[in-house]
Amino acid sequence: SVQTVAFDRAGSRMATGAADYEVALWDFAGMSRDHRPFKVLTPLPGHPVSKLAFSPTGGQLLVIPADARFKVFDRDASKEIVTSAKGD
């Protein structure tokens, strides 16, 4: 089930984080008729996603799993930019 949702400032992208450990990225402008996300990733296997946020420019996505580590991805979640150590 979805636990957190984030929208970029323009409202064209949405990220959803779920209890099944997955983050899904949705692009409203490029969405096909099947209404599926364009990208699904598991940032930290075994840990539900508790918080998501886009940067003010929309160029980065902050992902916070339930274990207190965080990761920052580029807009398309194709590149991991930063990963924190546990407890940082």
N, C-alpha and C. Protein backbone atom coordinates (compact mmCIF):
# COMPACT_ATOMS: atom_id res chain seq x y z
N SER A 1 0.83 -1.19 0.00
CA SER A 1 0.00 0.00 0.00
C SER A 1 0.88 1.25 0.00
N VAL A 2 0.38 2.30 -0.61
CA VAL A 2 1.11 3.57 -0.69
C VAL A 2 1.14 4.22 0.68
N GLN A 3 2.34 4.67 1.08
CA GLN A 3 2.52 5.31 2.38
C GLN A 3 2.85 6.79 2.28
N THR A 4 3.42 7.21 1.13
CA THR A 4 3.81 8.60 0.97
C THR A 4 3.75 8.98 -0.51
N VAL A 5 3.45 10.25 -0.75
CA VAL A 5 3.33 10.77 -2.11
C VAL A 5 4.05 12.12 -2.16
N ALA A 6 4.74 12.38 -3.28
CA ALA A 6 5.36 13.69 -3.49
C ALA A 6 5.12 14.12 -4.93
N PHE A 7 4.91 15.42 -5.12
CA PHE A 7 4.74 16.02 -6.45
C PHE A 7 5.86 17.02 -6.67
N ASP A 8 6.34 17.10 -7.90
CA ASP A 8 7.30 18.16 -8.20
C ASP A 8 6.54 19.49 -8.26
N ARG A 9 7.27 20.58 -8.20
CA ARG A 9 6.65 21.91 -8.14
C ARG A 9 5.75 22.20 -9.33
N ALA A 10 6.14 21.71 -10.50
CA ALA A 10 5.35 21.94 -11.72
C ALA A 10 4.07 21.11 -11.75
N GLY A 11 4.01 20.06 -10.93
CA GLY A 11 2.84 19.18 -10.93
C GLY A 11 2.83 18.18 -12.06
N SER A 12 3.95 18.02 -12.74
CA SER A 12 4.01 17.09 -13.87
C SER A 12 4.52 15.70 -13.48
N ARG A 13 5.16 15.60 -12.32
CA ARG A 13 5.69 14.32 -11.85
C ARG A 13 5.17 14.02 -10.45
N MET A 14 4.96 12.73 -10.22
CA MET A 14 4.56 12.26 -8.90
C MET A 14 5.42 11.06 -8.55
N ALA A 15 5.80 10.97 -7.28
CA ALA A 15 6.50 9.80 -6.76
C ALA A 15 5.65 9.21 -5.64
N THR A 16 5.53 7.89 -5.62
CA THR A 16 4.81 7.22 -4.55
C THR A 16 5.75 6.24 -3.87
N GLY A 17 5.66 6.16 -2.56
CA GLY A 17 6.46 5.22 -1.79
C GLY A 17 5.54 4.27 -1.06
N ALA A 18 5.94 3.01 -0.98
CA ALA A 18 5.02 2.01 -0.46
C ALA A 18 5.63 1.10 0.61
N ALA A 19 4.74 0.41 1.29
CA ALA A 19 5.14 -0.56 2.31
C ALA A 19 5.85 -1.76 1.69
N ASP A 20 5.69 -1.96 0.37
CA ASP A 20 6.35 -3.09 -0.30
C ASP A 20 7.77 -2.73 -0.74
N TYR A 21 8.32 -1.63 -0.18
CA TYR A 21 9.72 -1.20 -0.38
C TYR A 21 9.96 -0.49 -1.70
N GLU A 22 8.93 -0.22 -2.49
CA GLU A 22 9.11 0.33 -3.83
C GLU A 22 8.76 1.82 -3.90
N VAL A 23 9.48 2.50 -4.79
CA VAL A 23 9.17 3.87 -5.18
C VAL A 23 8.76 3.82 -6.65
N ALA A 24 7.63 4.41 -6.97
CA ALA A 24 7.17 4.47 -8.36
C ALA A 24 7.16 5.92 -8.80
N LEU A 25 7.63 6.16 -10.02
CA LEU A 25 7.65 7.51 -10.59
C LEU A 25 6.66 7.60 -11.73
N TRP A 26 5.86 8.64 -11.72
CA TRP A 26 4.80 8.85 -12.68
C TRP A 26 5.04 10.18 -13.39
N ASP A 27 4.89 10.20 -14.70
CA ASP A 27 5.04 11.42 -15.49
C ASP A 27 3.70 11.68 -16.17
N PHE A 28 2.96 12.66 -15.67
CA PHE A 28 1.61 12.90 -16.18
C PHE A 28 1.60 13.31 -17.65
N ALA A 29 2.60 14.06 -18.08
CA ALA A 29 2.64 14.52 -19.47
C ALA A 29 2.91 13.37 -20.44
N GLY A 30 3.67 12.39 -20.01
CA GLY A 30 4.03 11.29 -20.90
C GLY A 30 3.36 9.97 -20.57
N MET A 31 2.33 9.99 -19.74
CA MET A 31 1.69 8.76 -19.30
C MET A 31 0.91 8.11 -20.43
N SER A 32 1.08 6.81 -20.57
CA SER A 32 0.34 6.07 -21.59
C SER A 32 -1.05 5.71 -21.07
N ARG A 33 -1.84 5.14 -21.94
CA ARG A 33 -3.22 4.78 -21.58
C ARG A 33 -3.33 3.73 -20.49
N ASP A 34 -2.27 2.97 -20.27
CA ASP A 34 -2.34 1.93 -19.23
C ASP A 34 -2.09 2.50 -17.83
N HIS A 35 -1.75 3.79 -17.74
CA HIS A 35 -1.60 4.49 -16.46
C HIS A 35 -0.63 3.80 -15.51
N ARG A 36 0.52 3.44 -16.03
CA ARG A 36 1.56 2.79 -15.22
C ARG A 36 2.72 3.75 -15.00
N PRO A 37 3.46 3.57 -13.90
CA PRO A 37 4.63 4.41 -13.68
C PRO A 37 5.70 4.16 -14.74
N PHE A 38 6.52 5.18 -15.02
CA PHE A 38 7.60 4.98 -15.99
C PHE A 38 8.83 4.36 -15.35
N LYS A 39 8.88 4.36 -14.01
CA LYS A 39 10.03 3.77 -13.32
C LYS A 39 9.58 3.27 -11.96
N VAL A 40 10.06 2.09 -11.59
CA VAL A 40 9.83 1.53 -10.25
C VAL A 40 11.18 1.07 -9.73
N LEU A 41 11.52 1.46 -8.51
CA LEU A 41 12.79 1.04 -7.93
C LEU A 41 12.60 0.66 -6.47
N THR A 42 13.53 -0.11 -5.96
CA THR A 42 13.56 -0.50 -4.56
C THR A 42 14.82 0.10 -3.95
N PRO A 43 14.71 1.29 -3.33
CA PRO A 43 15.90 1.98 -2.85
C PRO A 43 16.64 1.26 -1.73
N LEU A 44 15.92 0.57 -0.86
CA LEU A 44 16.54 -0.17 0.23
C LEU A 44 15.70 -1.42 0.51
N PRO A 45 16.06 -2.53 -0.11
CA PRO A 45 15.26 -3.75 0.05
C PRO A 45 15.02 -4.09 1.52
N GLY A 46 13.79 -4.47 1.83
CA GLY A 46 13.43 -4.87 3.18
C GLY A 46 12.98 -3.73 4.07
N HIS A 47 12.95 -2.50 3.52
CA HIS A 47 12.55 -1.34 4.32
C HIS A 47 11.47 -0.54 3.59
N PRO A 48 10.29 -0.38 4.20
CA PRO A 48 9.24 0.43 3.59
C PRO A 48 9.71 1.87 3.37
N VAL A 49 9.14 2.53 2.41
CA VAL A 49 9.46 3.92 2.13
C VAL A 49 8.55 4.79 2.99
N SER A 50 9.15 5.65 3.83
CA SER A 50 8.33 6.44 4.75
C SER A 50 8.17 7.90 4.33
N LYS A 51 9.07 8.44 3.50
CA LYS A 51 8.96 9.85 3.11
C LYS A 51 9.62 10.06 1.75
N LEU A 52 9.02 10.93 0.94
CA LEU A 52 9.55 11.34 -0.36
C LEU A 52 9.43 12.84 -0.49
N ALA A 53 10.36 13.46 -1.22
CA ALA A 53 10.25 14.90 -1.50
C ALA A 53 11.08 15.22 -2.74
N PHE A 54 10.51 16.03 -3.61
CA PHE A 54 11.27 16.57 -4.74
C PHE A 54 11.98 17.83 -4.28
N SER A 55 13.13 18.11 -4.86
CA SER A 55 13.84 19.36 -4.58
C SER A 55 13.01 20.52 -5.13
N PRO A 56 13.28 21.76 -4.68
CA PRO A 56 12.51 22.90 -5.19
C PRO A 56 12.56 23.05 -6.72
N THR A 57 13.66 22.65 -7.34
CA THR A 57 13.75 22.73 -8.80
C THR A 57 13.14 21.52 -9.49
N GLY A 58 12.85 20.46 -8.73
CA GLY A 58 12.31 19.24 -9.31
C GLY A 58 13.36 18.33 -9.91
N GLY A 59 14.63 18.71 -9.78
CA GLY A 59 15.71 17.94 -10.39
C GLY A 59 16.22 16.76 -9.58
N GLN A 60 15.80 16.69 -8.31
CA GLN A 60 16.25 15.60 -7.45
C GLN A 60 15.08 15.09 -6.61
N LEU A 61 15.20 13.83 -6.21
CA LEU A 61 14.17 13.19 -5.38
C LEU A 61 14.81 12.63 -4.13
N LEU A 62 14.32 13.05 -2.97
CA LEU A 62 14.77 12.54 -1.68
C LEU A 62 13.89 11.36 -1.29
N VAL A 63 14.53 10.25 -0.93
CA VAL A 63 13.81 9.04 -0.50
C VAL A 63 14.29 8.68 0.90
N ILE A 64 13.35 8.54 1.83
CA ILE A 64 13.70 8.17 3.20
C ILE A 64 12.98 6.86 3.55
N PRO A 65 13.74 5.76 3.60
CA PRO A 65 13.15 4.49 4.04
C PRO A 65 12.95 4.50 5.56
N ALA A 66 12.30 3.50 6.08
CA ALA A 66 11.96 3.43 7.50
C ALA A 66 13.16 3.14 8.40
N ASP A 67 14.36 3.02 7.88
CA ASP A 67 15.50 2.69 8.74
C ASP A 67 16.41 3.89 9.03
N ALA A 68 15.96 5.12 8.74
CA ALA A 68 16.68 6.36 9.05
C ALA A 68 17.82 6.68 8.10
N ARG A 69 18.02 5.92 7.05
CA ARG A 69 18.97 6.31 6.01
C ARG A 69 18.19 7.07 4.95
N PHE A 70 18.89 7.88 4.18
CA PHE A 70 18.22 8.55 3.07
C PHE A 70 19.04 8.39 1.80
N LYS A 71 18.36 8.56 0.68
CA LYS A 71 19.02 8.53 -0.63
C LYS A 71 18.46 9.68 -1.45
N VAL A 72 19.33 10.27 -2.27
CA VAL A 72 18.91 11.31 -3.20
C VAL A 72 19.19 10.79 -4.60
N PHE A 73 18.16 10.83 -5.45
CA PHE A 73 18.25 10.38 -6.84
C PHE A 73 18.06 11.57 -7.76
N ASP A 74 18.50 11.43 -9.00
CA ASP A 74 18.18 12.44 -10.01
C ASP A 74 16.69 12.36 -10.33
N ARG A 75 16.21 13.27 -11.13
CA ARG A 75 14.78 13.40 -11.43
C ARG A 75 14.15 12.11 -11.96
N ASP A 76 14.89 11.34 -12.76
CA ASP A 76 14.36 10.11 -13.33
C ASP A 76 14.69 8.87 -12.51
N ALA A 77 15.35 9.05 -11.37
CA ALA A 77 15.79 7.96 -10.51
C ALA A 77 16.68 6.98 -11.25
N SER A 78 17.41 7.50 -12.24
CA SER A 78 18.34 6.66 -12.97
C SER A 78 19.74 6.72 -12.37
N LYS A 79 19.98 7.72 -11.51
CA LYS A 79 21.29 7.87 -10.88
C LYS A 79 21.11 8.21 -9.40
N GLU A 80 21.79 7.45 -8.55
CA GLU A 80 21.79 7.74 -7.12
C GLU A 80 22.88 8.78 -6.87
N ILE A 81 22.51 9.91 -6.30
CA ILE A 81 23.44 11.01 -6.10
C ILE A 81 24.11 10.95 -4.73
N VAL A 82 23.32 10.68 -3.69
CA VAL A 82 23.82 10.65 -2.32
C VAL A 82 23.13 9.51 -1.56
N THR A 83 23.89 8.85 -0.69
CA THR A 83 23.33 7.87 0.25
C THR A 83 23.93 8.16 1.61
N SER A 84 23.10 8.25 2.63
CA SER A 84 23.61 8.49 3.97
C SER A 84 23.96 7.17 4.65
N ALA A 85 24.83 7.27 5.61
CA ALA A 85 25.10 6.11 6.48
C ALA A 85 23.95 6.01 7.48
N LYS A 86 23.71 4.85 8.01
CA LYS A 86 22.62 4.69 8.97
C LYS A 86 22.83 5.59 10.17
N GLY A 87 21.79 6.33 10.51
CA GLY A 87 21.83 7.20 11.66
C GLY A 87 22.32 8.60 11.42
N ASP A 88 22.77 8.88 10.20
CA ASP A 88 23.24 10.24 9.89
C ASP A 88 22.07 11.18 9.69
